[in-house]
Structures are given as C-alpha cells and as structure tokens.
C-alpha cells in the first residue's frame, strides 16, 4: 500500500487465522456472559460475529449497518443505515462484534447507540483501541489488514514466465 493512504505495512489474514482469532475472542468473552444477543457491525463484523455466536451459543443476532465517509480524515462521518433492537435498552446485556477497530470513528457512533453493550473486535489499532472493551490482536496504525474476503486466489506465474518478463 502506498504511504499516501497512511498504510505502510500489510497484514494478510487467512480464513484459518481469522477463524482461530475469532474463536480466541469467544474464549475471552465466554466468562463475561451470558449475553442477551449479539450485534454484528456490517459488513466486516459479520464473519467474526458468526464464529463468536456459534462458540457462545448465541441465537439472537442482529446487525448495525453503517457507512463511513472520509475514513482517514479528521472528523470522518458515519452514516448509520440500519439500527438494532438492542437500542431499546442501550445495549445492556448485548455483545457488539466487529472485525477491526481502526480510528474508532465507527465504534464511537455505535457506542453512542449502545453505551451499555460489551464491544469486542478481533483486531485493534491504537487510535481505536480505547473505544472497545475486548480484542485479540493489536496492529500498528499504519498497517492495512487484508481480510480473507478481500483476497483472491490467482494462478502464480512460472519461473519461465517471470524470466520472460524480465527480458
């Protein structure tokens, strides 16, 4: 990633690693429950939320749908596209799950709706870390986390093809 994006490092995560880390998050959360239900932050939180919900045997699952504009800019705006039934009691007894807290912009918007919920993410960056209650892995702020749903398997070039392109 170019440094103009603010990211200088790449942290690719495989499906196996994501599953392992989401299960580790569930282990960390297990003694904090029982929870009334789980709220996944879409879209990135859907896959980790499914794994956590399975591990904690949660059946009541809802979503908060959001869209963030000017993510890297100060004062970025979050539009909440869909709320959740957990709002009626400010999230008390509920678990919020997302894949990542980066700058904390989305997390702060969700926290405003559900201030009494427990907020958990699989990955956390320093700027957003104070906005969540639990996480598994911290990465530096200048690291782009490449999630498995953003990766594509492609055929590798042969040595002959690589040497031919150098000629």
Protein backbone atom coordinates (compact mmCIF):
# COMPACT_ATOMS: atom_id res chain seq x y z
CA UNK A 1 0.00 0.00 0.00
CA UNK A 2 1.27 3.43 -0.80
CA UNK A 3 2.17 5.65 2.11
CA UNK A 4 -0.24 8.31 0.76
CA UNK A 5 -3.05 6.11 2.13
CA UNK A 6 -1.50 6.19 5.59
CA UNK A 7 -0.66 2.48 5.44
CA UNK A 8 2.96 1.37 5.17
CA UNK A 9 2.56 -2.28 6.18
CA UNK A 10 0.37 -5.15 5.06
CA UNK A 11 -1.04 -7.78 7.44
CA UNK A 12 -2.73 -10.53 5.39
CA UNK A 13 -5.12 -12.74 7.35
CA UNK A 14 -6.17 -16.16 6.05
CA UNK A 15 -9.54 -17.80 6.69
CA UNK A 16 -7.83 -20.20 9.11
CA UNK A 17 -6.18 -17.35 11.03
CA UNK A 18 -9.41 -15.36 11.18
CA UNK A 19 -11.30 -18.38 12.50
CA UNK A 20 -8.62 -19.01 15.12
CA UNK A 21 -8.59 -15.37 16.23
CA UNK A 22 -12.40 -15.12 16.36
CA UNK A 23 -12.53 -18.28 18.49
CA UNK A 24 -9.87 -16.79 20.78
CA UNK A 25 -12.12 -13.73 21.11
CA UNK A 26 -15.04 -16.00 22.03
CA UNK A 27 -12.90 -17.66 24.72
CA UNK A 28 -12.11 -14.22 26.15
CA UNK A 29 -15.81 -13.30 26.15
CA UNK A 30 -17.21 -16.58 27.48
CA UNK A 31 -16.93 -15.67 31.17
CA UNK A 32 -18.45 -12.21 30.61
CA UNK A 33 -21.85 -13.57 29.57
CA UNK A 34 -24.41 -14.73 29.27
CA UNK A 35 -25.36 -12.14 26.68
CA UNK A 36 -28.92 -11.38 25.55
CA UNK A 37 -27.74 -11.39 21.97
CA UNK A 38 -25.08 -10.25 19.55
CA UNK A 39 -24.94 -7.21 17.29
CA UNK A 40 -22.63 -7.53 14.29
CA UNK A 41 -21.31 -4.37 12.66
CA UNK A 42 -21.66 -4.83 8.92
CA UNK A 43 -20.04 -5.76 6.80
CA UNK A 44 -16.69 -6.70 8.28
CA UNK A 45 -18.12 -7.91 11.57
CA UNK A 46 -20.44 -10.50 10.00
CA UNK A 47 -17.93 -13.35 9.71
CA UNK A 48 -16.32 -12.94 13.16
CA UNK A 49 -19.81 -12.47 14.66
CA UNK A 50 -20.98 -15.78 13.19
CA UNK A 51 -17.99 -17.57 14.74
CA UNK A 52 -18.38 -15.86 18.12
CA UNK A 53 -22.15 -16.50 18.13
CA UNK A 54 -21.56 -20.19 17.46
CA UNK A 55 -18.93 -20.52 20.17
CA UNK A 56 -21.06 -18.68 22.76
CA UNK A 57 -24.25 -20.45 21.63
CA UNK A 58 -25.99 -17.15 20.92
CA UNK A 59 -29.11 -17.37 18.78
CA UNK A 60 -30.36 -13.78 18.84
CA UNK A 61 -28.21 -11.99 16.28
CA UNK A 62 -28.81 -8.52 14.87
CA UNK A 63 -26.81 -6.07 12.79
CA UNK A 64 -25.96 -2.41 12.72
CA UNK A 65 -25.28 -1.27 9.20
CA UNK A 66 -23.03 1.73 8.70
CA UNK A 67 -21.15 3.57 6.03
CA UNK A 68 -18.12 5.72 6.78
CA UNK A 69 -17.08 8.66 4.63
CA UNK A 70 -13.59 10.19 4.58
CA UNK A 71 -12.32 7.40 6.86
CA UNK A 72 -8.82 8.75 7.02
CA UNK A 73 -9.80 12.38 7.53
CA UNK A 74 -10.30 14.01 10.90
CA UNK A 75 -13.98 14.37 11.64
CA UNK A 76 -14.96 11.47 9.39
CA UNK A 77 -18.71 10.95 9.20
CA UNK A 78 -20.54 7.71 9.91
CA UNK A 79 -23.98 7.17 8.46
CA UNK A 80 -25.99 4.54 10.34
CA UNK A 81 -28.04 2.81 7.66
CA UNK A 82 -29.87 0.39 9.98
CA UNK A 83 -30.23 0.32 13.73
CA UNK A 84 -30.77 -2.63 16.06
CA UNK A 85 -33.35 -3.82 18.57
CA UNK A 86 -30.62 -3.67 21.22
CA UNK A 87 -31.08 0.13 21.21
CA UNK A 88 -34.22 -0.07 23.33
CA UNK A 89 -32.14 -0.78 26.46
CA UNK A 90 -28.94 1.00 25.31
CA UNK A 91 -27.36 -2.38 24.61
CA UNK A 92 -27.39 -3.58 28.19
CA UNK A 93 -26.54 -7.28 28.20
CA UNK A 94 -25.67 -7.28 24.49
CA UNK A 95 -22.39 -8.07 22.73
CA UNK A 96 -21.18 -5.99 19.77
CA UNK A 97 -18.73 -7.70 17.40
CA UNK A 98 -16.66 -6.19 14.60
CA UNK A 99 -13.63 -7.39 12.67
CA UNK A 100 -11.47 -4.36 13.43
CA UNK A 101 -11.37 -1.06 15.25
CA UNK A 102 -9.15 1.29 13.27
CA UNK A 103 -9.59 5.00 14.00
CA UNK A 104 -12.58 4.40 16.28
CA UNK A 105 -14.94 6.53 14.16
CA UNK A 106 -17.47 3.73 13.61
CA UNK A 107 -17.01 2.38 17.13
CA UNK A 108 -17.84 5.78 18.66
CA UNK A 109 -21.03 6.03 16.58
CA UNK A 110 -22.12 2.54 17.64
CA UNK A 111 -21.15 3.23 21.27
CA UNK A 112 -23.43 6.28 21.23
CA UNK A 113 -26.35 3.97 20.39
CA UNK A 114 -25.36 1.09 22.65
CA UNK A 115 -23.34 2.57 25.54
CA UNK A 116 -24.08 -0.35 27.89
CA UNK A 117 -23.09 -3.14 25.47
CA UNK A 118 -19.79 -5.01 25.56
CA UNK A 119 -17.83 -4.10 22.41
CA UNK A 120 -15.40 -6.71 21.05
CA UNK A 121 -13.23 -6.77 17.95
CA UNK A 122 -10.81 -9.33 16.62
CA UNK A 123 -8.17 -6.75 15.67
CA UNK A 124 -7.44 -3.30 17.13
CA UNK A 125 -5.27 -0.36 16.19
CA UNK A 126 -4.01 2.13 18.79
CA UNK A 127 -6.29 5.02 17.76
CA UNK A 128 -9.43 2.93 18.13
CA UNK A 129 -8.41 0.61 20.96
CA UNK A 130 -9.89 2.80 23.75
CA UNK A 131 -13.35 2.56 22.13
CA UNK A 132 -13.65 -1.23 22.56
CA UNK A 133 -13.76 -3.47 25.63
CA UNK A 134 -12.11 -6.62 24.23
CA UNK A 135 -9.87 -7.52 21.32
CA UNK A 136 -7.36 -10.24 20.43
CA UNK A 137 -4.59 -8.80 18.26
CA UNK A 138 -3.22 -5.27 18.11
CA UNK A 139 -1.55 -4.00 14.94
CA UNK A 140 0.13 -0.66 14.30
CA UNK A 141 -1.93 2.23 12.99
CA UNK A 142 -0.06 2.25 9.67
CA UNK A 143 -0.90 -1.39 8.91
CA UNK A 144 -3.54 -2.44 6.40
CA UNK A 145 -5.26 -5.64 7.49
CA UNK A 146 -6.04 -7.66 4.39
CA UNK A 147 -9.02 -9.83 5.34
CA UNK A 148 -9.66 -13.12 3.54
CA UNK A 149 -12.85 -11.81 1.89
CA UNK A 150 -10.74 -9.10 0.24
CA UNK A 151 -8.22 -11.57 -1.20
CA UNK A 152 -8.39 -13.54 -4.40
CA UNK A 153 -6.54 -16.71 -5.32
CA UNK A 154 -4.73 -16.36 -8.63
CA UNK A 155 -2.51 -18.67 -10.60
CA UNK A 156 1.16 -18.00 -9.86
CA UNK A 157 3.44 -17.32 -12.80
CA UNK A 158 6.03 -19.95 -13.63
CA UNK A 159 9.75 -19.18 -13.38
CA UNK A 160 9.94 -19.23 -17.19
CA UNK A 161 7.13 -16.66 -17.40
CA UNK A 162 8.81 -14.49 -14.78
CA UNK A 163 12.19 -14.69 -16.57
CA UNK A 164 10.50 -13.87 -19.88
CA UNK A 165 9.01 -10.72 -18.45
CA UNK A 166 12.48 -9.55 -17.38
CA UNK A 167 13.91 -9.77 -20.87
